[in-house]
PDB file of N, CA and C in Angstrom:
ATOM      1  N   MET A   1      25.478  13.646 -50.592  1.00  0.00           N
ATOM      2  CA  MET A   1      24.624  12.429 -50.951  1.00  0.00           C
ATOM      3  C   MET A   1      24.664  12.196 -52.361  1.00  0.00           C
ATOM      4  N   PRO A   2      25.008  11.143 -52.849  1.00  0.00           N
ATOM      5  CA  PRO A   2      25.013  10.822 -54.317  1.00  0.00           C
ATOM      6  C   PRO A   2      23.454  10.734 -54.826  1.00  0.00           C
ATOM      7  N   GLU A   3      23.356  11.366 -56.253  1.00  0.00           N
ATOM      8  CA  GLU A   3      22.219  11.289 -56.881  1.00  0.00           C
ATOM      9  C   GLU A   3      21.787  10.136 -57.267  1.00  0.00           C
ATOM     10  N   PRO A   4      20.231   9.812 -57.573  1.00  0.00           N
ATOM     11  CA  PRO A   4      19.872   8.654 -57.957  1.00  0.00           C
ATOM     12  C   PRO A   4      20.496   8.583 -59.519  1.00  0.00           C
ATOM     13  N   ARG A   5      20.858   7.310 -60.020  1.00  0.00           N
ATOM     14  CA  ARG A   5      21.385   7.176 -61.362  1.00  0.00           C
ATOM     15  C   ARG A   5      19.968   7.059 -62.252  1.00  0.00           C
ATOM     16  N   CYS A   6      20.274   7.952 -63.384  1.00  0.00           N
ATOM     17  CA  CYS A   6      19.381   7.940 -64.419  1.00  0.00           C
ATOM     18  C   CYS A   6      18.809   6.811 -64.990  1.00  0.00           C
ATOM     19  N   GLY A   7      17.857   6.328 -64.784  1.00  0.00           N
ATOM     20  CA  GLY A   7      17.308   5.224 -65.474  1.00  0.00           C
ATOM     21  C   GLY A   7      17.750   3.865 -64.772  1.00  0.00           C
ATOM     22  N   ALA A   8      18.107   4.078 -63.733  1.00  0.00           N
ATOM     23  CA  ALA A   8      18.777   2.836 -62.814  1.00  0.00           C
ATOM     24  C   ALA A   8      17.514   2.074 -62.264  1.00  0.00           C
ATOM     25  N   PRO A   9      17.572   0.618 -62.724  1.00  0.00           N
ATOM     26  CA  PRO A   9      16.501   0.017 -62.136  1.00  0.00           C
ATOM     27  C   PRO A   9      16.360  -0.078 -60.645  1.00  0.00           C
ATOM     28  N   GLU A  10      15.329  -0.400 -60.240  1.00  0.00           N
ATOM     29  CA  GLU A  10      15.137  -0.378 -58.592  1.00  0.00           C
ATOM     30  C   GLU A  10      14.959  -1.884 -58.354  1.00  0.00           C
ATOM     31  N   PHE A  11      15.732  -2.595 -57.252  1.00  0.00           N
ATOM     32  CA  PHE A  11      15.311  -3.957 -57.216  1.00  0.00           C
ATOM     33  C   PHE A  11      14.903  -4.072 -55.788  1.00  0.00           C
ATOM     34  N   GLY A  12      14.506  -5.187 -55.337  1.00  0.00           N
ATOM     35  CA  GLY A  12      14.146  -5.370 -54.021  1.00  0.00           C
ATOM     36  C   GLY A  12      15.133  -5.491 -52.897  1.00  0.00           C
ATOM     37  N   LEU A  13      14.828  -6.345 -52.028  1.00  0.00           N
ATOM     38  CA  LEU A  13      15.949  -6.554 -50.830  1.00  0.00           C
ATOM     39  C   LEU A  13      17.183  -7.168 -51.432  1.00  0.00           C
ATOM     40  N   SER A  14      18.411  -6.655 -50.933  1.00  0.00           N
ATOM     41  CA  SER A  14      19.545  -7.300 -51.512  1.00  0.00           C
ATOM     42  C   SER A  14      20.275  -8.094 -50.374  1.00  0.00           C
ATOM     43  N   VAL A  15      21.224  -9.022 -50.678  1.00  0.00           N
ATOM     44  CA  VAL A  15      21.903  -9.718 -49.687  1.00  0.00           C
ATOM     45  C   VAL A  15      22.439  -8.826 -48.658  1.00  0.00           C
ATOM     46  N   GLY A  16      23.047  -7.710 -49.133  1.00  0.00           N
ATOM     47  CA  GLY A  16      23.719  -6.806 -48.190  1.00  0.00           C
ATOM     48  C   GLY A  16      22.961  -5.968 -47.230  1.00  0.00           C
ATOM     49  N   GLU A  17      21.521  -5.877 -47.785  1.00  0.00           N
ATOM     50  CA  GLU A  17      20.470  -5.462 -46.750  1.00  0.00           C
ATOM     51  C   GLU A  17      20.290  -6.154 -45.590  1.00  0.00           C
ATOM     52  N   VAL A  18      20.071  -7.489 -46.068  1.00  0.00           N
ATOM     53  CA  VAL A  18      19.593  -8.477 -45.168  1.00  0.00           C
ATOM     54  C   VAL A  18      20.792  -8.623 -43.948  1.00  0.00           C
ATOM     55  N   LEU A  19      21.970  -8.880 -44.643  1.00  0.00           N
ATOM     56  CA  LEU A  19      23.133  -8.843 -43.671  1.00  0.00           C
ATOM     57  C   LEU A  19      23.404  -7.883 -42.662  1.00  0.00           C
ATOM     58  N   ARG A  20      23.127  -6.343 -43.237  1.00  0.00           N
ATOM     59  CA  ARG A  20      23.345  -5.296 -42.410  1.00  0.00           C
ATOM     60  C   ARG A  20      22.164  -5.417 -41.332  1.00  0.00           C
ATOM     61  N   ARG A  21      21.010  -5.772 -41.650  1.00  0.00           N
ATOM     62  CA  ARG A  21      20.136  -5.771 -40.906  1.00  0.00           C
ATOM     63  C   ARG A  21      20.340  -7.082 -39.596  1.00  0.00           C
ATOM     64  N   PHE A  22      20.436  -8.236 -40.115  1.00  0.00           N
ATOM     65  CA  PHE A  22      20.496  -9.441 -39.193  1.00  0.00           C
ATOM     66  C   PHE A  22      21.845  -9.802 -38.718  1.00  0.00           C
ATOM     67  N   LEU A  23      23.040  -9.568 -39.387  1.00  0.00           N
ATOM     68  CA  LEU A  23      24.148 -10.163 -38.887  1.00  0.00           C
ATOM     69  C   LEU A  23      24.609  -9.715 -37.483  1.00  0.00           C
ATOM     70  N   PRO A  24      24.337  -8.338 -37.161  1.00  0.00           N
ATOM     71  CA  PRO A  24      24.717  -7.943 -35.696  1.00  0.00           C
ATOM     72  C   PRO A  24      23.964  -8.811 -34.722  1.00  0.00           C
ATOM     73  N   GLU A  25      22.859  -9.300 -35.086  1.00  0.00           N
ATOM     74  CA  GLU A  25      21.882  -9.849 -33.962  1.00  0.00           C
ATOM     75  C   GLU A  25      22.036 -11.417 -34.110  1.00  0.00           C
ATOM     76  N   TYR A  26      22.856 -12.007 -35.152  1.00  0.00           N
ATOM     77  CA  TYR A  26      22.964 -13.313 -35.243  1.00  0.00           C
ATOM     78  C   TYR A  26      23.427 -14.127 -34.066  1.00  0.00           C
ATOM     79  N   PRO A  27      22.498 -15.017 -33.547  1.00  0.00           N
ATOM     80  CA  PRO A  27      23.068 -15.728 -32.066  1.00  0.00           C
ATOM     81  C   PRO A  27      24.109 -16.884 -32.403  1.00  0.00           C
ATOM     82  N   GLY A  28      24.044 -17.225 -33.591  1.00  0.00           N
ATOM     83  CA  GLY A  28      24.981 -18.461 -33.809  1.00  0.00           C
ATOM     84  C   GLY A  28      26.492 -17.990 -33.798  1.00  0.00           C
ATOM     85  N   SER A  29      27.418 -18.951 -33.744  1.00  0.00           N
ATOM     86  CA  SER A  29      28.788 -18.803 -33.799  1.00  0.00           C
ATOM     87  C   SER A  29      29.250 -18.937 -35.295  1.00  0.00           C
ATOM     88  N   LEU A  30      30.119 -18.091 -35.932  1.00  0.00           N
ATOM     89  CA  LEU A  30      30.627 -18.023 -36.939  1.00  0.00           C
ATOM     90  C   LEU A  30      32.189 -18.223 -37.088  1.00  0.00           C
ATOM     91  N   SER A  31      32.758 -18.793 -37.980  1.00  0.00           N
ATOM     92  CA  SER A  31      34.251 -18.978 -38.151  1.00  0.00           C
ATOM     93  C   SER A  31      34.454 -17.544 -38.401  1.00  0.00           C
ATOM     94  N   PRO A  32      35.764 -17.047 -37.925  1.00  0.00           N
ATOM     95  CA  PRO A  32      36.478 -15.738 -38.403  1.00  0.00           C
ATOM     96  C   PRO A  32      36.336 -15.665 -40.080  1.00  0.00           C
ATOM     97  N   GLN A  33      36.640 -16.404 -40.822  1.00  0.00           N
ATOM     98  CA  GLN A  33      36.547 -16.344 -42.219  1.00  0.00           C
ATOM     99  C   GLN A  33      35.347 -16.094 -42.607  1.00  0.00           C
ATOM    100  N   THR A  34      34.288 -16.650 -42.068  1.00  0.00           N
ATOM    101  CA  THR A  34      32.675 -16.655 -42.552  1.00  0.00           C
ATOM    102  C   THR A  34      32.445 -15.166 -41.898  1.00  0.00           C
ATOM    103  N   ARG A  35      32.545 -14.934 -40.853  1.00  0.00           N
ATOM    104  CA  ARG A  35      32.212 -13.568 -40.378  1.00  0.00           C
ATOM    105  C   ARG A  35      32.812 -12.335 -41.291  1.00  0.00           C
ATOM    106  N   LEU A  36      34.238 -12.459 -41.644  1.00  0.00           N
ATOM    107  CA  LEU A  36      34.863 -11.534 -42.442  1.00  0.00           C
ATOM    108  C   LEU A  36      34.166 -11.480 -43.821  1.00  0.00           C
ATOM    109  N   VAL A  37      33.841 -12.616 -44.428  1.00  0.00           N
ATOM    110  CA  VAL A  37      33.179 -12.393 -45.742  1.00  0.00           C
ATOM    111  C   VAL A  37      31.600 -11.951 -45.615  1.00  0.00           C
ATOM    112  N   LEU A  38      30.958 -12.087 -44.565  1.00  0.00           N
ATOM    113  CA  LEU A  38      29.729 -11.599 -44.413  1.00  0.00           C
ATOM    114  C   LEU A  38      29.545 -10.238 -44.194  1.00  0.00           C
ATOM    115  N   HIS A  39      30.754  -9.782 -43.499  1.00  0.00           N
ATOM    116  CA  HIS A  39      30.803  -8.308 -43.191  1.00  0.00           C
ATOM    117  C   HIS A  39      31.197  -7.588 -44.522  1.00  0.00           C
ATOM    118  N   ARG A  40      32.118  -8.180 -45.329  1.00  0.00           N
ATOM    119  CA  ARG A  40      32.419  -7.624 -46.615  1.00  0.00           C
ATOM    120  C   ARG A  40      31.250  -7.378 -47.513  1.00  0.00           C
ATOM    121  N   LEU A  41      30.273  -8.635 -47.426  1.00  0.00           N
ATOM    122  CA  LEU A  41      29.114  -8.473 -48.295  1.00  0.00           C
ATOM    123  C   LEU A  41      28.071  -7.472 -48.024  1.00  0.00           C
ATOM    124  N   SER A  42      28.140  -7.278 -46.477  1.00  0.00           N
ATOM    125  CA  SER A  42      27.200  -6.226 -45.971  1.00  0.00           C
ATOM    126  C   SER A  42      27.523  -4.784 -46.267  1.00  0.00           C
ATOM    127  N   ARG A  43      28.753  -4.708 -46.587  1.00  0.00           N
ATOM    128  CA  ARG A  43      29.354  -2.958 -47.030  1.00  0.00           C
ATOM    129  C   ARG A  43      29.302  -2.924 -48.565  1.00  0.00           C
ATOM    130  N   CYS A  44      28.772  -4.038 -49.233  1.00  0.00           N
ATOM    131  CA  CYS A  44      28.854  -3.812 -50.660  1.00  0.00           C
ATOM    132  C   CYS A  44      27.769  -2.924 -51.243  1.00  0.00           C
ATOM    133  N   HIS A  45      28.210  -2.040 -52.165  1.00  0.00           N
ATOM    134  CA  HIS A  45      27.421  -0.868 -52.657  1.00  0.00           C
ATOM    135  C   HIS A  45      26.843  -0.068 -51.680  1.00  0.00           C
ATOM    136  N   THR A  46      27.602   0.311 -50.553  1.00  0.00           N
ATOM    137  CA  THR A  46      26.974   1.150 -49.548  1.00  0.00           C
ATOM    138  C   THR A  46      27.668   2.443 -49.552  1.00  0.00           C
ATOM    139  N   GLY A  47      28.801   2.566 -50.081  1.00  0.00           N
ATOM    140  CA  GLY A  47      29.757   3.476 -50.161  1.00  0.00           C
ATOM    141  C   GLY A  47      30.725   3.522 -48.930  1.00  0.00           C
ATOM    142  N   GLN A  48      30.729   2.490 -48.045  1.00  0.00           N
ATOM    143  CA  GLN A  48      31.778   2.340 -47.133  1.00  0.00           C
ATOM    144  C   GLN A  48      33.051   1.850 -47.834  1.00  0.00           C
ATOM    145  N   LEU A  49      32.938   1.301 -49.038  1.00  0.00           N
ATOM    146  CA  LEU A  49      34.045   0.941 -49.933  1.00  0.00           C
ATOM    147  C   LEU A  49      34.706   1.888 -50.723  1.00  0.00           C
ATOM    148  N   GLY A  50      33.980   2.950 -50.881  1.00  0.00           N
ATOM    149  CA  GLY A  50      34.454   4.024 -51.633  1.00  0.00           C
ATOM    150  C   GLY A  50      33.295   4.193 -52.761  1.00  0.00           C
ATOM    151  N   TRP A  51      33.913   5.158 -53.543  1.00  0.00           N
ATOM    152  CA  TRP A  51      32.811   5.729 -54.565  1.00  0.00           C
ATOM    153  C   TRP A  51      33.634   5.833 -55.996  1.00  0.00           C
ATOM    154  N   SER A  52      32.817   5.795 -57.158  1.00  0.00           N
ATOM    155  CA  SER A  52      33.583   6.041 -58.463  1.00  0.00           C
ATOM    156  C   SER A  52      32.425   6.896 -59.090  1.00  0.00           C
ATOM    157  N   LEU A  53      33.039   7.738 -60.116  1.00  0.00           N
ATOM    158  CA  LEU A  53      32.308   8.574 -60.828  1.00  0.00           C
ATOM    159  C   LEU A  53      32.045   8.112 -62.192  1.00  0.00           C
ATOM    160  N   TRP A  54      30.660   8.118 -62.560  1.00  0.00           N
ATOM    161  CA  TRP A  54      30.408   7.670 -63.956  1.00  0.00           C
ATOM    162  C   TRP A  54      29.590   8.686 -64.787  1.00  0.00           C
ATOM    163  N   GLN A  55      29.528   8.729 -66.069  1.00  0.00           N
ATOM    164  CA  GLN A  55      28.792   9.395 -66.884  1.00  0.00           C
ATOM    165  C   GLN A  55      27.604   8.717 -67.463  1.00  0.00           C
ATOM    166  N   CYS A  56      26.395   9.284 -67.353  1.00  0.00           N
ATOM    167  CA  CYS A  56      25.267   8.352 -67.946  1.00  0.00           C
ATOM    168  C   CYS A  56      25.397   8.694 -69.348  1.00  0.00           C
ATOM    169  N   GLU A  57      25.006   7.327 -70.031  1.00  0.00           N
ATOM    170  CA  GLU A  57      25.149   7.391 -71.549  1.00  0.00           C
ATOM    171  C   GLU A  57      23.778   8.116 -72.086  1.00  0.00           C
ATOM    172  N   ARG A  58      22.638   8.164 -71.269  1.00  0.00           N
ATOM    173  CA  ARG A  58      21.493   8.876 -72.078  1.00  0.00           C
ATOM    174  C   ARG A  58      21.752  10.428 -71.780  1.00  0.00           C
ATOM    175  N   CYS A  59      21.890  10.879 -70.426  1.00  0.00           N
ATOM    176  CA  CYS A  59      21.861  12.168 -70.336  1.00  0.00           C
ATOM    177  C   CYS A  59      23.090  12.941 -70.095  1.00  0.00           C
ATOM    178  N   SER A  60      24.111  12.262 -70.028  1.00  0.00           N
ATOM    179  CA  SER A  60      25.570  12.742 -70.026  1.00  0.00           C
ATOM    180  C   SER A  60      25.783  13.355 -68.590  1.00  0.00           C
ATOM    181  N   ALA A  61      25.039  13.257 -67.700  1.00  0.00           N
ATOM    182  CA  ALA A  61      25.164  13.766 -66.474  1.00  0.00           C
ATOM    183  C   ALA A  61      26.090  12.701 -65.605  1.00  0.00           C
ATOM    184  N   PRO A  62      26.993  13.574 -64.632  1.00  0.00           N
ATOM    185  CA  PRO A  62      27.681  12.672 -63.650  1.00  0.00           C
ATOM    186  C   PRO A  62      27.142  12.049 -62.691  1.00  0.00           C
ATOM    187  N   HIS A  63      27.230  10.830 -62.325  1.00  0.00           N
ATOM    188  CA  HIS A  63      26.812  10.258 -61.195  1.00  0.00           C
ATOM    189  C   HIS A  63      27.633   9.425 -60.342  1.00  0.00           C
ATOM    190  N   TRP A  64      27.485   9.862 -59.291  1.00  0.00           N
ATOM    191  CA  TRP A  64      28.357   8.770 -58.214  1.00  0.00           C
ATOM    192  C   TRP A  64      27.850   7.525 -57.810  1.00  0.00           C
ATOM    193  N   ARG A  65      28.693   6.353 -58.007  1.00  0.00           N
ATOM    194  CA  ARG A  65      28.029   5.168 -57.690  1.00  0.00           C
ATOM    195  C   ARG A  65      28.969   4.464 -56.642  1.00  0.00           C
ATOM    196  N   PRO A  66      28.532   3.904 -55.537  1.00  0.00           N
ATOM    197  CA  PRO A  66      29.380   3.252 -54.531  1.00  0.00           C
ATOM    198  C   PRO A  66      29.958   1.931 -55.075  1.00  0.00           C
ATOM    199  N   LEU A  67      31.153   1.667 -54.672  1.00  0.00           N
ATOM    200  CA  LEU A  67      31.955   0.477 -55.257  1.00  0.00           C
ATOM    201  C   LEU A  67      31.493  -0.722 -54.578  1.00  0.00           C
ATOM    202  N   GLY A  68      31.589  -1.941 -55.300  1.00  0.00           N
ATOM    203  CA  GLY A  68      31.186  -2.977 -54.874  1.00  0.00           C
ATOM    204  C   GLY A  68      32.304  -3.856 -54.136  1.00  0.00           C
ATOM    205  N   CYS A  69      32.132  -4.844 -53.204  1.00  0.00           N
ATOM    206  CA  CYS A  69      33.147  -5.476 -52.459  1.00  0.00           C
ATOM    207  C   CYS A  69      34.034  -6.417 -53.423  1.00  0.00           C
ATOM    208  N   GLY A  70      33.429  -6.935 -54.531  1.00  0.00           N
ATOM    209  CA  GLY A  70      34.376  -7.874 -55.361  1.00  0.00           C
ATOM    210  C   GLY A  70      34.571  -9.177 -54.997  1.00  0.00           C
ATOM    211  N   ASP A  71      33.849  -9.574 -54.010  1.00  0.00           N
ATOM    212  CA  ASP A  71      34.138 -10.790 -53.316  1.00  0.00           C
ATOM    213  C   ASP A  71      33.435 -12.030 -54.331  1.00  0.00           C
ATOM    214  N   ARG A  72      34.060 -13.124 -54.314  1.00  0.00           N
ATOM    215  CA  ARG A  72      33.534 -14.006 -55.235  1.00  0.00           C
ATOM    216  C   ARG A  72      32.004 -14.831 -54.631  1.00  0.00           C
ATOM    217  N   HIS A  73      31.719 -14.598 -53.419  1.00  0.00           N
ATOM    218  CA  HIS A  73      30.425 -14.919 -52.694  1.00  0.00           C
ATOM    219  C   HIS A  73      29.439 -13.995 -53.011  1.00  0.00           C
ATOM    220  N   CYS A  74      29.649 -12.819 -53.462  1.00  0.00           N
ATOM    221  CA  CYS A  74      28.607 -11.597 -53.562  1.00  0.00           C
ATOM    222  C   CYS A  74      27.814 -11.936 -54.990  1.00  0.00           C
ATOM    223  N   PRO A  75      26.353 -12.069 -54.722  1.00  0.00           N
ATOM    224  CA  PRO A  75      25.648 -12.071 -55.955  1.00  0.00           C
ATOM    225  C   PRO A  75      25.666 -10.847 -56.851  1.00  0.00           C
ATOM    226  N   GLU A  76      25.908  -9.695 -56.234  1.00  0.00           N
ATOM    227  CA  GLU A  76      25.666  -8.432 -57.053  1.00  0.00           C
ATOM    228  C   GLU A  76      27.108  -8.250 -57.696  1.00  0.00           C
ATOM    229  N   CYS A  77      28.344  -8.512 -57.062  1.00  0.00           N
ATOM    230  CA  CYS A  77      29.470  -8.436 -57.933  1.00  0.00           C
ATOM    231  C   CYS A  77      29.754  -9.512 -58.744  1.00  0.00           C
ATOM    232  N   THR A  78      29.334 -10.676 -58.623  1.00  0.00           N
ATOM    233  CA  THR A  78      29.528 -11.609 -59.719  1.00  0.00           C
ATOM    234  C   THR A  78      28.339 -11.640 -60.642  1.00  0.00           C
ATOM    235  N   ALA A  79      27.390 -11.059 -60.796  1.00  0.00           N
ATOM    236  CA  ALA A  79      26.291 -11.058 -61.825  1.00  0.00           C
ATOM    237  C   ALA A  79      26.896 -10.842 -63.127  1.00  0.00           C
ATOM    238  N   ARG A  80      27.753 -10.103 -63.379  1.00  0.00           N
ATOM    239  CA  ARG A  80      28.185  -9.629 -64.897  1.00  0.00           C
ATOM    240  C   ARG A  80      28.800 -10.968 -65.359  1.00  0.00           C
ATOM    241  N   ALA A  81      29.873 -11.436 -64.620  1.00  0.00           N
ATOM    242  CA  ALA A  81      30.448 -12.545 -64.964  1.00  0.00           C
ATOM    243  C   ALA A  81      29.689 -13.588 -65.209  1.00  0.00           C
ATOM    244  N   ARG A  82      28.722 -14.032 -64.235  1.00  0.00           N
ATOM    245  CA  ARG A  82      27.636 -15.044 -64.415  1.00  0.00           C
ATOM    246  C   ARG A  82      26.821 -14.941 -65.697  1.00  0.00           C
ATOM    247  N   ASN A  83      26.319 -13.731 -65.970  1.00  0.00           N
ATOM    248  CA  ASN A  83      25.705 -13.419 -67.177  1.00  0.00           C
ATOM    249  C   ASN A  83      26.464 -13.600 -68.585  1.00  0.00           C
ATOM    250  N   THR A  84      27.736 -13.101 -68.322  1.00  0.00           N
ATOM    251  CA  THR A  84      28.440 -13.501 -69.625  1.00  0.00           C
ATOM    252  C   THR A  84      28.739 -14.773 -69.734  1.00  0.00           C
ATOM    253  N   TRP A  85      29.076 -15.673 -68.821  1.00  0.00           N
ATOM    254  CA  TRP A  85      29.320 -17.162 -68.763  1.00  0.00           C
ATOM    255  C   TRP A  85      27.989 -17.834 -69.452  1.00  0.00           C
ATOM    256  N   LEU A  86      26.876 -17.280 -68.741  1.00  0.00           N
ATOM    257  CA  LEU A  86      25.622 -18.078 -69.270  1.00  0.00           C
ATOM    258  C   LEU A  86      25.269 -17.785 -70.912  1.00  0.00           C
ATOM    259  N   ALA A  87      25.603 -16.645 -71.194  1.00  0.00           N
ATOM    260  CA  ALA A  87      25.332 -16.211 -72.705  1.00  0.00           C
ATOM    261  C   ALA A  87      26.258 -17.010 -73.438  1.00  0.00           C
ATOM    262  N   LYS A  88      27.496 -17.334 -73.128  1.00  0.00           N
ATOM    263  CA  LYS A  88      28.442 -18.003 -73.831  1.00  0.00           C
ATOM    264  C   LYS A  88      27.972 -19.525 -73.943  1.00  0.00           C
ATOM    265  N   GLN A  89      27.421 -20.122 -72.870  1.00  0.00           N
ATOM    266  CA  GLN A  89      26.916 -21.301 -72.957  1.00  0.00           C
ATOM    267  C   GLN A  89      25.707 -21.526 -73.835  1.00  0.00           C
ATOM    268  N   ARG A  90      24.984 -20.647 -73.875  1.00  0.00           N
ATOM    269  CA  ARG A  90      23.716 -20.540 -74.557  1.00  0.00           C
ATOM    270  C   ARG A  90      24.072 -20.410 -76.013  1.00  0.00           C
ATOM    271  N   GLU A  91      25.008 -19.826 -76.327  1.00  0.00           N
ATOM    272  CA  GLU A  91      25.643 -19.834 -77.819  1.00  0.00           C
ATOM    273  C   GLU A  91      26.170 -21.138 -78.170  1.00  0.00           C
ATOM    274  N   SER A  92      26.658 -21.926 -77.252  1.00  0.00           N
ATOM    275  CA  SER A  92      27.133 -23.117 -77.882  1.00  0.00           C
ATOM    276  C   SER A  92      25.999 -24.261 -77.972  1.00  0.00           C
ATOM    277  N   LEU A  93      24.770 -24.132 -77.670  1.00  0.00           N
ATOM    278  CA  LEU A  93      23.556 -24.895 -77.694  1.00  0.00           C
ATOM    279  C   LEU A  93      23.260 -25.045 -79.228  1.00  0.00           C
ATOM    280  N   LEU A  94      22.909 -26.153 -79.497  1.00  0.00           N
ATOM    281  CA  LEU A  94      22.296 -26.472 -80.823  1.00  0.00           C
ATOM    282  C   LEU A  94      20.851 -26.058 -80.955  1.00  0.00           C
ATOM    283  N   PRO A  95      20.384 -25.746 -82.044  1.00  0.00           N
ATOM    284  CA  PRO A  95      19.082 -25.099 -82.226  1.00  0.00           C
ATOM    285  C   PRO A  95      18.094 -26.184 -82.278  1.00  0.00           C
ATOM    286  N   VAL A  96      18.119 -26.934 -81.304  1.00  0.00           N
ATOM    287  CA  VAL A  96      16.897 -28.141 -81.371  1.00  0.00           C
ATOM    288  C   VAL A  96      16.479 -28.086 -79.847  1.00  0.00           C
ATOM    289  N   ARG A  97      15.240 -28.966 -79.719  1.00  0.00           N
ATOM    290  CA  ARG A  97      14.736 -28.945 -78.361  1.00  0.00           C
ATOM    291  C   ARG A  97      15.502 -30.043 -77.626  1.00  0.00           C
ATOM    292  N   TYR A  98      15.768 -29.842 -76.577  1.00  0.00           N
ATOM    293  CA  TYR A  98      16.460 -30.506 -75.536  1.00  0.00           C
ATOM    294  C   TYR A  98      15.452 -31.350 -74.564  1.00  0.00           C
ATOM    295  N   TYR A  99      15.634 -32.584 -74.442  1.00  0.00           N
ATOM    296  CA  TYR A  99      14.837 -33.374 -73.431  1.00  0.00           C
ATOM    297  C   TYR A  99      15.912 -34.121 -72.203  1.00  0.00           C
ATOM    298  N   HIS A 100      15.433 -33.960 -71.107  1.00  0.00           N
ATOM    299  CA  HIS A 100      16.289 -34.631 -70.140  1.00  0.00           C
ATOM    300  C   HIS A 100      15.880 -36.015 -70.076  1.00  0.00           C
TER     301      HIS A 100
END
Protein backbone atom coordinates (compact mmCIF):
# COMPACT_ATOMS: atom_id res chain seq x y z
CA MET A 1 0.00 0.00 0.00
CA PRO A 2 1.39 3.42 -0.87
CA GLU A 3 2.49 5.77 1.86
CA PRO A 4 0.77 9.13 2.29
CA ARG A 5 2.57 11.92 0.46
CA CYS A 6 4.63 14.28 2.56
CA GLY A 7 2.76 17.55 2.96
CA ALA A 8 0.06 16.54 0.47
CA PRO A 9 -3.12 18.55 0.85
CA GLU A 10 -6.22 16.62 1.74
CA PHE A 11 -9.28 17.48 -0.28
CA GLY A 12 -12.94 16.65 0.13
CA LEU A 13 -14.97 14.37 -2.07
CA SER A 14 -13.67 14.00 -5.63
CA VAL A 15 -15.58 13.36 -8.84
CA GLY A 16 -14.02 9.89 -9.00
CA GLU A 17 -15.25 9.02 -5.52
CA VAL A 18 -18.78 10.11 -6.38
CA LEU A 19 -18.71 8.06 -9.59
CA ARG A 20 -17.34 4.98 -7.83
CA ARG A 21 -20.17 5.20 -5.33
CA PHE A 22 -23.13 6.06 -7.56
CA LEU A 23 -22.35 5.00 -11.14
CA PRO A 24 -23.05 1.28 -10.57
CA GLU A 25 -26.47 2.18 -9.11
CA TYR A 26 -27.37 4.77 -11.78
CA PRO A 27 -30.83 3.78 -13.07
CA GLY A 28 -30.80 5.91 -16.24
CA SER A 29 -29.49 4.91 -19.63
CA LEU A 30 -26.15 6.25 -20.81
CA SER A 31 -24.59 6.16 -24.24
CA PRO A 32 -21.63 3.78 -24.57
CA GLN A 33 -19.27 6.76 -24.98
CA THR A 34 -20.61 8.49 -21.86
CA ARG A 35 -20.39 5.29 -19.83
CA LEU A 36 -16.77 4.80 -21.01
CA VAL A 37 -15.78 8.36 -19.99
CA LEU A 38 -17.47 8.05 -16.59
CA HIS A 39 -15.80 4.66 -15.98
CA ARG A 40 -12.41 6.20 -16.87
CA LEU A 41 -13.03 9.12 -14.49
CA SER A 42 -14.04 6.73 -11.72
CA ARG A 43 -10.64 4.99 -11.92
CA CYS A 44 -8.61 8.24 -11.88
CA HIS A 45 -5.95 8.35 -9.14
CA THR A 46 -7.05 5.02 -7.65
CA GLY A 47 -4.07 2.90 -8.69
CA GLN A 48 -6.15 0.92 -11.20
CA LEU A 49 -4.42 2.82 -14.00
CA GLY A 50 -0.91 2.25 -12.63
CA TRP A 51 1.55 3.96 -10.29
CA SER A 52 4.52 6.28 -10.57
CA LEU A 53 7.41 6.77 -8.16
CA TRP A 54 8.15 10.35 -7.08
CA GLN A 55 10.72 11.85 -4.75
CA CYS A 56 9.55 14.43 -2.21
CA GLU A 57 11.25 17.82 -2.59
CA ARG A 58 11.13 18.47 1.17
CA CYS A 59 12.16 15.16 2.71
CA SER A 60 13.71 13.36 -0.32
CA ALA A 61 11.69 10.26 0.53
CA PRO A 62 10.28 8.19 -2.34
CA HIS A 63 6.48 8.16 -2.63
CA TRP A 64 4.24 6.11 -4.89
CA ARG A 65 1.46 8.08 -6.58
CA PRO A 66 -1.44 6.65 -8.55
CA LEU A 67 -1.69 7.72 -12.17
CA GLY A 68 -4.52 9.90 -13.42
CA CYS A 69 -6.80 9.08 -16.31
CA GLY A 70 -5.70 12.04 -18.46
CA ASP A 71 -9.22 12.44 -19.81
CA ARG A 72 -10.15 15.92 -21.04
CA HIS A 73 -13.34 15.75 -18.96
CA CYS A 74 -11.51 15.04 -15.70
CA PRO A 75 -11.31 18.04 -13.35
CA GLU A 76 -8.34 16.54 -11.48
CA CYS A 77 -6.25 15.81 -14.58
CA THR A 78 -6.96 19.13 -16.29
CA ALA A 79 -6.37 21.29 -13.19
CA ARG A 80 -2.72 22.10 -14.00
CA ALA A 81 -3.47 23.13 -17.58
CA ARG A 82 -6.48 25.15 -16.41
CA ASN A 83 -4.42 26.96 -13.75
CA THR A 84 -1.62 27.67 -16.24
CA TRP A 85 -4.12 29.09 -18.72
CA LEU A 86 -5.75 31.21 -16.02
CA ALA A 87 -2.38 32.61 -14.87
CA LYS A 88 -1.54 33.54 -18.47
CA GLN A 89 -4.88 35.30 -18.86
CA ARG A 90 -4.35 37.23 -15.63
CA GLU A 91 -0.92 38.41 -16.84
CA SER A 92 -2.53 40.00 -19.89
CA LEU A 93 -4.95 42.10 -17.80
CA LEU A 94 -4.23 45.80 -17.46
CA PRO A 95 -3.58 47.08 -13.93
CA VAL A 96 -6.92 48.91 -13.75
CA ARG A 97 -10.33 48.22 -12.22
CA TYR A 98 -12.65 46.41 -14.56
CA TYR A 99 -16.37 47.04 -14.68
CA HIS A 100 -18.89 45.02 -16.60
